[in-house]
Amino acid sequence: MGIIFLILVVAVLIGLLELPGMLRKKMKVESWVFSVLLIFGTILSILQISRIHIPNPLDWITYIYQPVSDFVFGILQ
């Protein structure tokens, strides 16, 4: 539980250090992208520390393209 709290504190500190400068420079789109990526990274870090299974995106790509690959290799043999 302490490590999760530490991850949240670090994420908040990073946000407090970076976001005011971005907003002062009128970088609204960049601040949104930064916030979304920071939140996404924080959630993934907490899930990994909690030992919750996170699916690998490469498995999805393999599942989608495996039939196409089998078809092409079947034609070439």
PDB file of N, CA and C in Angstrom:
ATOM      1  N   MET A   1       0.822  -1.199   0.000  1.00  0.00           N
ATOM      2  CA  MET A   1       0.000   0.000   0.000  1.00  0.00           C
ATOM      3  C   MET A   1       0.860   1.254   0.000  1.00  0.00           C
ATOM      4  N   GLY A   2       2.005   1.167   0.656  1.00  0.00           N
ATOM      5  CA  GLY A   2       2.893   2.311   0.727  1.00  0.00           C
ATOM      6  C   GLY A   2       3.492   2.666  -0.617  1.00  0.00           C
ATOM      7  N   ILE A   3       3.785   1.641  -1.422  1.00  0.00           N
ATOM      8  CA  ILE A   3       4.374   1.888  -2.738  1.00  0.00           C
ATOM      9  C   ILE A   3       3.342   2.557  -3.653  1.00  0.00           C
ATOM     10  N   ILE A   4       2.092   2.148  -3.558  1.00  0.00           N
ATOM     11  CA  ILE A   4       1.039   2.771  -4.362  1.00  0.00           C
ATOM     12  C   ILE A   4       0.894   4.244  -3.981  1.00  0.00           C
ATOM     13  N   PHE A   5       0.934   4.523  -2.687  1.00  0.00           N
ATOM     14  CA  PHE A   5       0.869   5.907  -2.222  1.00  0.00           C
ATOM     15  C   PHE A   5       2.062   6.707  -2.749  1.00  0.00           C
ATOM     16  N   LEU A   6       3.246   6.102  -2.747  1.00  0.00           N
ATOM     17  CA  LEU A   6       4.435   6.770  -3.261  1.00  0.00           C
ATOM     18  C   LEU A   6       4.316   7.061  -4.760  1.00  0.00           C
ATOM     19  N   ILE A   7       3.770   6.131  -5.524  1.00  0.00           N
ATOM     20  CA  ILE A   7       3.551   6.344  -6.956  1.00  0.00           C
ATOM     21  C   ILE A   7       2.597   7.518  -7.174  1.00  0.00           C
ATOM     22  N   LEU A   8       1.525   7.568  -6.390  1.00  0.00           N
ATOM     23  CA  LEU A   8       0.568   8.668  -6.526  1.00  0.00           C
ATOM     24  C   LEU A   8       1.197  10.007  -6.162  1.00  0.00           C
ATOM     25  N   VAL A   9       2.001  10.031  -5.112  1.00  0.00           N
ATOM     26  CA  VAL A   9       2.671  11.276  -4.707  1.00  0.00           C
ATOM     27  C   VAL A   9       3.618  11.754  -5.797  1.00  0.00           C
ATOM     28  N   VAL A  10       4.400  10.839  -6.364  1.00  0.00           N
ATOM     29  CA  VAL A  10       5.338  11.209  -7.426  1.00  0.00           C
ATOM     30  C   VAL A  10       4.576  11.727  -8.649  1.00  0.00           C
ATOM     31  N   ALA A  11       3.474  11.083  -9.011  1.00  0.00           N
ATOM     32  CA  ALA A  11       2.688  11.527 -10.167  1.00  0.00           C
ATOM     33  C   ALA A  11       2.109  12.915  -9.931  1.00  0.00           C
ATOM     34  N   VAL A  12       1.623  13.162  -8.723  1.00  0.00           N
ATOM     35  CA  VAL A  12       1.077  14.486  -8.406  1.00  0.00           C
ATOM     36  C   VAL A  12       2.182  15.534  -8.449  1.00  0.00           C
ATOM     37  N   LEU A  13       3.351  15.215  -7.911  1.00  0.00           N
ATOM     38  CA  LEU A  13       4.466  16.154  -7.944  1.00  0.00           C
ATOM     39  C   LEU A  13       4.897  16.469  -9.378  1.00  0.00           C
ATOM     40  N   ILE A  14       4.965  15.455 -10.214  1.00  0.00           N
ATOM     41  CA  ILE A  14       5.313  15.677 -11.622  1.00  0.00           C
ATOM     42  C   ILE A  14       4.278  16.583 -12.280  1.00  0.00           C
ATOM     43  N   GLY A  15       3.013  16.331 -12.014  1.00  0.00           N
ATOM     44  CA  GLY A  15       1.954  17.173 -12.573  1.00  0.00           C
ATOM     45  C   GLY A  15       2.039  18.605 -12.078  1.00  0.00           C
ATOM     46  N   LEU A  16       2.314  18.777 -10.789  1.00  0.00           N
ATOM     47  CA  LEU A  16       2.412  20.128 -10.232  1.00  0.00           C
ATOM     48  C   LEU A  16       3.634  20.880 -10.743  1.00  0.00           C
ATOM     49  N   LEU A  17       4.684  20.167 -11.089  1.00  0.00           N
ATOM     50  CA  LEU A  17       5.875  20.820 -11.616  1.00  0.00           C
ATOM     51  C   LEU A  17       5.738  21.193 -13.092  1.00  0.00           C
ATOM     52  N   GLU A  18       5.079  20.363 -13.866  1.00  0.00           N
ATOM     53  CA  GLU A  18       5.040  20.559 -15.314  1.00  0.00           C
ATOM     54  C   GLU A  18       3.826  21.346 -15.813  1.00  0.00           C
ATOM     55  N   LEU A  19       2.660  21.097 -15.247  1.00  0.00           N
ATOM     56  CA  LEU A  19       1.442  21.686 -15.791  1.00  0.00           C
ATOM     57  C   LEU A  19       1.363  23.204 -15.685  1.00  0.00           C
ATOM     58  N   PRO A  20       1.762  23.841 -14.584  1.00  0.00           N
ATOM     59  CA  PRO A  20       1.644  25.305 -14.542  1.00  0.00           C
ATOM     60  C   PRO A  20       2.436  26.012 -15.644  1.00  0.00           C
ATOM     61  N   GLY A  21       3.639  25.519 -15.926  1.00  0.00           N
ATOM     62  CA  GLY A  21       4.426  26.121 -17.000  1.00  0.00           C
ATOM     63  C   GLY A  21       3.774  25.941 -18.359  1.00  0.00           C
ATOM     64  N   MET A  22       3.185  24.796 -18.577  1.00  0.00           N
ATOM     65  CA  MET A  22       2.503  24.547 -19.850  1.00  0.00           C
ATOM     66  C   MET A  22       1.279  25.452 -19.999  1.00  0.00           C
ATOM     67  N   LEU A  23       0.547  25.613 -18.910  1.00  0.00           N
ATOM     68  CA  LEU A  23      -0.647  26.451 -18.982  1.00  0.00           C
ATOM     69  C   LEU A  23      -0.280  27.926 -19.121  1.00  0.00           C
ATOM     70  N   ARG A  24       0.824  28.358 -18.500  1.00  0.00           N
ATOM     71  CA  ARG A  24       1.286  29.732 -18.642  1.00  0.00           C
ATOM     72  C   ARG A  24       1.667  30.044 -20.088  1.00  0.00           C
ATOM     73  N   LYS A  25       2.237  29.054 -20.767  1.00  0.00           N
ATOM     74  CA  LYS A  25       2.650  29.241 -22.168  1.00  0.00           C
ATOM     75  C   LYS A  25       1.507  28.967 -23.144  1.00  0.00           C
ATOM     76  N   LYS A  26       0.307  28.804 -22.616  1.00  0.00           N
ATOM     77  CA  LYS A  26      -0.898  28.553 -23.423  1.00  0.00           C
ATOM     78  C   LYS A  26      -0.777  27.280 -24.265  1.00  0.00           C
ATOM     79  N   MET A  27      -0.169  26.241 -23.702  1.00  0.00           N
ATOM     80  CA  MET A  27      -0.016  24.957 -24.388  1.00  0.00           C
ATOM     81  C   MET A  27      -1.137  24.016 -23.917  1.00  0.00           C
ATOM     82  N   LYS A  28      -2.359  24.319 -24.358  1.00  0.00           N
ATOM     83  CA  LYS A  28      -3.508  23.567 -23.856  1.00  0.00           C
ATOM     84  C   LYS A  28      -3.540  22.132 -24.371  1.00  0.00           C
ATOM     85  N   VAL A  29      -3.291  21.932 -25.649  1.00  0.00           N
ATOM     86  CA  VAL A  29      -3.321  20.578 -26.207  1.00  0.00           C
ATOM     87  C   VAL A  29      -2.213  19.735 -25.588  1.00  0.00           C
ATOM     88  N   GLU A  30      -1.025  20.317 -25.467  1.00  0.00           N
ATOM     89  CA  GLU A  30       0.100  19.588 -24.886  1.00  0.00           C
ATOM     90  C   GLU A  30      -0.162  19.229 -23.426  1.00  0.00           C
ATOM     91  N   SER A  31      -0.831  20.144 -22.699  1.00  0.00           N
ATOM     92  CA  SER A  31      -1.130  19.854 -21.294  1.00  0.00           C
ATOM     93  C   SER A  31      -2.154  18.731 -21.169  1.00  0.00           C
ATOM     94  N   TRP A  32      -3.113  18.665 -22.101  1.00  0.00           N
ATOM     95  CA  TRP A  32      -4.076  17.565 -22.088  1.00  0.00           C
ATOM     96  C   TRP A  32      -3.397  16.236 -22.385  1.00  0.00           C
ATOM     97  N   VAL A  33      -2.556  16.234 -23.400  1.00  0.00           N
ATOM     98  CA  VAL A  33      -1.844  14.998 -23.758  1.00  0.00           C
ATOM     99  C   VAL A  33      -0.941  14.571 -22.609  1.00  0.00           C
ATOM    100  N   PHE A  34      -0.232  15.515 -22.008  1.00  0.00           N
ATOM    101  CA  PHE A  34       0.627  15.219 -20.867  1.00  0.00           C
ATOM    102  C   PHE A  34      -0.177  14.623 -19.714  1.00  0.00           C
ATOM    103  N   SER A  35      -1.319  15.223 -19.420  1.00  0.00           N
ATOM    104  CA  SER A  35      -2.152  14.740 -18.312  1.00  0.00           C
ATOM    105  C   SER A  35      -2.674  13.333 -18.568  1.00  0.00           C
ATOM    106  N   VAL A  36      -3.142  13.102 -19.784  1.00  0.00           N
ATOM    107  CA  VAL A  36      -3.681  11.772 -20.118  1.00  0.00           C
ATOM    108  C   VAL A  36      -2.588  10.719 -20.020  1.00  0.00           C
ATOM    109  N   LEU A  37      -1.396  11.023 -20.567  1.00  0.00           N
ATOM    110  CA  LEU A  37      -0.305  10.053 -20.509  1.00  0.00           C
ATOM    111  C   LEU A  37       0.193   9.844 -19.081  1.00  0.00           C
ATOM    112  N   LEU A  38       0.212  10.896 -18.275  1.00  0.00           N
ATOM    113  CA  LEU A  38       0.623  10.760 -16.876  1.00  0.00           C
ATOM    114  C   LEU A  38      -0.366   9.888 -16.102  1.00  0.00           C
ATOM    115  N   ILE A  39      -1.648  10.121 -16.315  1.00  0.00           N
ATOM    116  CA  ILE A  39      -2.664   9.305 -15.636  1.00  0.00           C
ATOM    117  C   ILE A  39      -2.590   7.853 -16.104  1.00  0.00           C
ATOM    118  N   PHE A  40      -2.443   7.646 -17.407  1.00  0.00           N
ATOM    119  CA  PHE A  40      -2.349   6.299 -17.965  1.00  0.00           C
ATOM    120  C   PHE A  40      -1.124   5.567 -17.403  1.00  0.00           C
ATOM    121  N   GLY A  41       0.009   6.245 -17.371  1.00  0.00           N
ATOM    122  CA  GLY A  41       1.226   5.643 -16.818  1.00  0.00           C
ATOM    123  C   GLY A  41       1.106   5.345 -15.339  1.00  0.00           C
ATOM    124  N   THR A  42       0.457   6.232 -14.606  1.00  0.00           N
ATOM    125  CA  THR A  42       0.257   6.016 -13.174  1.00  0.00           C
ATOM    126  C   THR A  42      -0.632   4.801 -12.932  1.00  0.00           C
ATOM    127  N   ILE A  43      -1.705   4.684 -13.702  1.00  0.00           N
ATOM    128  CA  ILE A  43      -2.609   3.530 -13.550  1.00  0.00           C
ATOM    129  C   ILE A  43      -1.880   2.236 -13.889  1.00  0.00           C
ATOM    130  N   LEU A  44      -1.106   2.231 -14.982  1.00  0.00           N
ATOM    131  CA  LEU A  44      -0.359   1.023 -15.338  1.00  0.00           C
ATOM    132  C   LEU A  44       0.666   0.658 -14.261  1.00  0.00           C
ATOM    133  N   SER A  45       1.314   1.652 -13.683  1.00  0.00           N
ATOM    134  CA  SER A  45       2.280   1.379 -12.616  1.00  0.00           C
ATOM    135  C   SER A  45       1.608   0.772 -11.393  1.00  0.00           C
ATOM    136  N   ILE A  46       0.465   1.312 -11.027  1.00  0.00           N
ATOM    137  CA  ILE A  46      -0.263   0.778  -9.863  1.00  0.00           C
ATOM    138  C   ILE A  46      -0.740  -0.640 -10.143  1.00  0.00           C
ATOM    139  N   LEU A  47      -1.220  -0.903 -11.350  1.00  0.00           N
ATOM    140  CA  LEU A  47      -1.662  -2.255 -11.693  1.00  0.00           C
ATOM    141  C   LEU A  47      -0.508  -3.247 -11.663  1.00  0.00           C
ATOM    142  N   GLN A  48       0.651  -2.816 -12.144  1.00  0.00           N
ATOM    143  CA  GLN A  48       1.800  -3.719 -12.150  1.00  0.00           C
ATOM    144  C   GLN A  48       2.291  -3.989 -10.735  1.00  0.00           C
ATOM    145  N   ILE A  49       2.325  -2.969  -9.892  1.00  0.00           N
ATOM    146  CA  ILE A  49       2.740  -3.160  -8.496  1.00  0.00           C
ATOM    147  C   ILE A  49       1.755  -4.081  -7.774  1.00  0.00           C
ATOM    148  N   SER A  50       0.475  -3.980  -8.133  1.00  0.00           N
ATOM    149  CA  SER A  50      -0.557  -4.821  -7.509  1.00  0.00           C
ATOM    150  C   SER A  50      -0.578  -6.233  -8.076  1.00  0.00           C
ATOM    151  N   ARG A  51       0.305  -6.526  -9.044  1.00  0.00           N
ATOM    152  CA  ARG A  51       0.413  -7.832  -9.683  1.00  0.00           C
ATOM    153  C   ARG A  51      -0.882  -8.256 -10.380  1.00  0.00           C
ATOM    154  N   ILE A  52      -1.535  -7.281 -10.999  1.00  0.00           N
ATOM    155  CA  ILE A  52      -2.722  -7.556 -11.804  1.00  0.00           C
ATOM    156  C   ILE A  52      -2.258  -7.790 -13.236  1.00  0.00           C
ATOM    157  N   HIS A  53      -2.773  -8.837 -13.871  1.00  0.00           N
ATOM    158  CA  HIS A  53      -2.341  -9.200 -15.230  1.00  0.00           C
ATOM    159  C   HIS A  53      -2.773  -8.121 -16.212  1.00  0.00           C
ATOM    160  N   ILE A  54      -1.815  -7.593 -16.950  1.00  0.00           N
ATOM    161  CA  ILE A  54      -2.074  -6.604 -17.991  1.00  0.00           C
ATOM    162  C   ILE A  54      -1.808  -7.299 -19.327  1.00  0.00           C
ATOM    163  N   PRO A  55      -2.815  -7.380 -20.212  1.00  0.00           N
ATOM    164  CA  PRO A  55      -2.605  -8.082 -21.478  1.00  0.00           C
ATOM    165  C   PRO A  55      -1.584  -7.366 -22.352  1.00  0.00           C
ATOM    166  N   ASN A  56      -0.844  -8.157 -23.100  1.00  0.00           N
ATOM    167  CA  ASN A  56       0.176  -7.647 -23.993  1.00  0.00           C
ATOM    168  C   ASN A  56      -0.472  -7.254 -25.321  1.00  0.00           C
ATOM    169  N   PRO A  57      -0.266  -6.031 -25.815  1.00  0.00           N
ATOM    170  CA  PRO A  57      -0.872  -5.637 -27.091  1.00  0.00           C
ATOM    171  C   PRO A  57      -0.385  -6.483 -28.272  1.00  0.00           C
ATOM    172  N   LEU A  58       0.802  -7.037 -28.179  1.00  0.00           N
ATOM    173  CA  LEU A  58       1.307  -7.876 -29.257  1.00  0.00           C
ATOM    174  C   LEU A  58       0.465  -9.145 -29.420  1.00  0.00           C
ATOM    175  N   ASP A  59      -0.095  -9.644 -28.328  1.00  0.00           N
ATOM    176  CA  ASP A  59      -0.990 -10.803 -28.420  1.00  0.00           C
ATOM    177  C   ASP A  59      -2.220 -10.484 -29.264  1.00  0.00           C
ATOM    178  N   TRP A  60      -2.754  -9.281 -29.124  1.00  0.00           N
ATOM    179  CA  TRP A  60      -3.918  -8.879 -29.912  1.00  0.00           C
ATOM    180  C   TRP A  60      -3.553  -8.798 -31.384  1.00  0.00           C
ATOM    181  N   ILE A  61      -2.398  -8.211 -31.677  1.00  0.00           N
ATOM    182  CA  ILE A  61      -1.961  -8.080 -33.067  1.00  0.00           C
ATOM    183  C   ILE A  61      -1.755  -9.463 -33.679  1.00  0.00           C
ATOM    184  N   THR A  62      -1.139 -10.384 -32.930  1.00  0.00           N
ATOM    185  CA  THR A  62      -0.929 -11.745 -33.413  1.00  0.00           C
ATOM    186  C   THR A  62      -2.260 -12.440 -33.668  1.00  0.00           C
ATOM    187  N   TYR A  63      -3.225 -12.258 -32.781  1.00  0.00           N
ATOM    188  CA  TYR A  63      -4.541 -12.870 -32.936  1.00  0.00           C
ATOM    189  C   TYR A  63      -5.224 -12.377 -34.213  1.00  0.00           C
ATOM    190  N   ILE A  64      -5.062 -11.101 -34.519  1.00  0.00           N
ATOM    191  CA  ILE A  64      -5.723 -10.531 -35.696  1.00  0.00           C
ATOM    192  C   ILE A  64      -5.033 -10.977 -36.982  1.00  0.00           C
ATOM    193  N   TYR A  65      -3.699 -10.973 -37.017  1.00  0.00           N
ATOM    194  CA  TYR A  65      -2.972 -11.237 -38.251  1.00  0.00           C
ATOM    195  C   TYR A  65      -2.586 -12.699 -38.461  1.00  0.00           C
ATOM    196  N   GLN A  66      -2.794 -13.569 -37.512  1.00  0.00           N
ATOM    197  CA  GLN A  66      -2.435 -14.978 -37.667  1.00  0.00           C
ATOM    198  C   GLN A  66      -3.191 -15.648 -38.814  1.00  0.00           C
ATOM    199  N   PRO A  67      -4.511 -15.449 -38.956  1.00  0.00           N
ATOM    200  CA  PRO A  67      -5.196 -16.069 -40.101  1.00  0.00           C
ATOM    201  C   PRO A  67      -4.679 -15.561 -41.450  1.00  0.00           C
ATOM    202  N   VAL A  68      -4.348 -14.277 -41.530  1.00  0.00           N
ATOM    203  CA  VAL A  68      -3.807 -13.723 -42.770  1.00  0.00           C
ATOM    204  C   VAL A  68      -2.456 -14.358 -43.070  1.00  0.00           C
ATOM    205  N   SER A  69      -1.628 -14.488 -42.048  1.00  0.00           N
ATOM    206  CA  SER A  69      -0.301 -15.108 -42.209  1.00  0.00           C
ATOM    207  C   SER A  69      -0.427 -16.566 -42.653  1.00  0.00           C
ATOM    208  N   ASP A  70      -1.338 -17.297 -42.029  1.00  0.00           N
ATOM    209  CA  ASP A  70      -1.533 -18.704 -42.417  1.00  0.00           C
ATOM    210  C   ASP A  70      -2.003 -18.810 -43.871  1.00  0.00           C
ATOM    211  N   PHE A  71      -2.880 -17.913 -44.283  1.00  0.00           N
ATOM    212  CA  PHE A  71      -3.380 -17.915 -45.652  1.00  0.00           C
ATOM    213  C   PHE A  71      -2.251 -17.642 -46.645  1.00  0.00           C
ATOM    214  N   VAL A  72      -1.439 -16.635 -46.376  1.00  0.00           N
ATOM    215  CA  VAL A  72      -0.354 -16.278 -47.290  1.00  0.00           C
ATOM    216  C   VAL A  72       0.672 -17.400 -47.364  1.00  0.00           C
ATOM    217  N   PHE A  73       1.051 -17.971 -46.229  1.00  0.00           N
ATOM    218  CA  PHE A  73       2.018 -19.069 -46.248  1.00  0.00           C
ATOM    219  C   PHE A  73       1.436 -20.322 -46.914  1.00  0.00           C
ATOM    220  N   GLY A  74       0.127 -20.510 -46.797  1.00  0.00           N
ATOM    221  CA  GLY A  74      -0.510 -21.626 -47.493  1.00  0.00           C
ATOM    222  C   GLY A  74      -0.468 -21.467 -48.991  1.00  0.00           C
ATOM    223  N   ILE A  75      -0.625 -20.256 -49.478  1.00  0.00           N
ATOM    224  CA  ILE A  75      -0.541 -19.994 -50.916  1.00  0.00           C
ATOM    225  C   ILE A  75       0.876 -20.178 -51.431  1.00  0.00           C
ATOM    226  N   LEU A  76       1.867 -19.759 -50.643  1.00  0.00           N
ATOM    227  CA  LEU A  76       3.245 -19.808 -51.090  1.00  0.00           C
ATOM    228  C   LEU A  76       3.862 -21.201 -51.067  1.00  0.00           C
ATOM    229  N   GLN A  77       3.225 -22.151 -50.402  1.00  0.00           N
ATOM    230  CA  GLN A  77       3.810 -23.511 -50.344  1.00  0.00           C
ATOM    231  C   GLN A  77       3.404 -24.354 -51.503  1.00  0.00           C
TER     232      GLN A  77
END
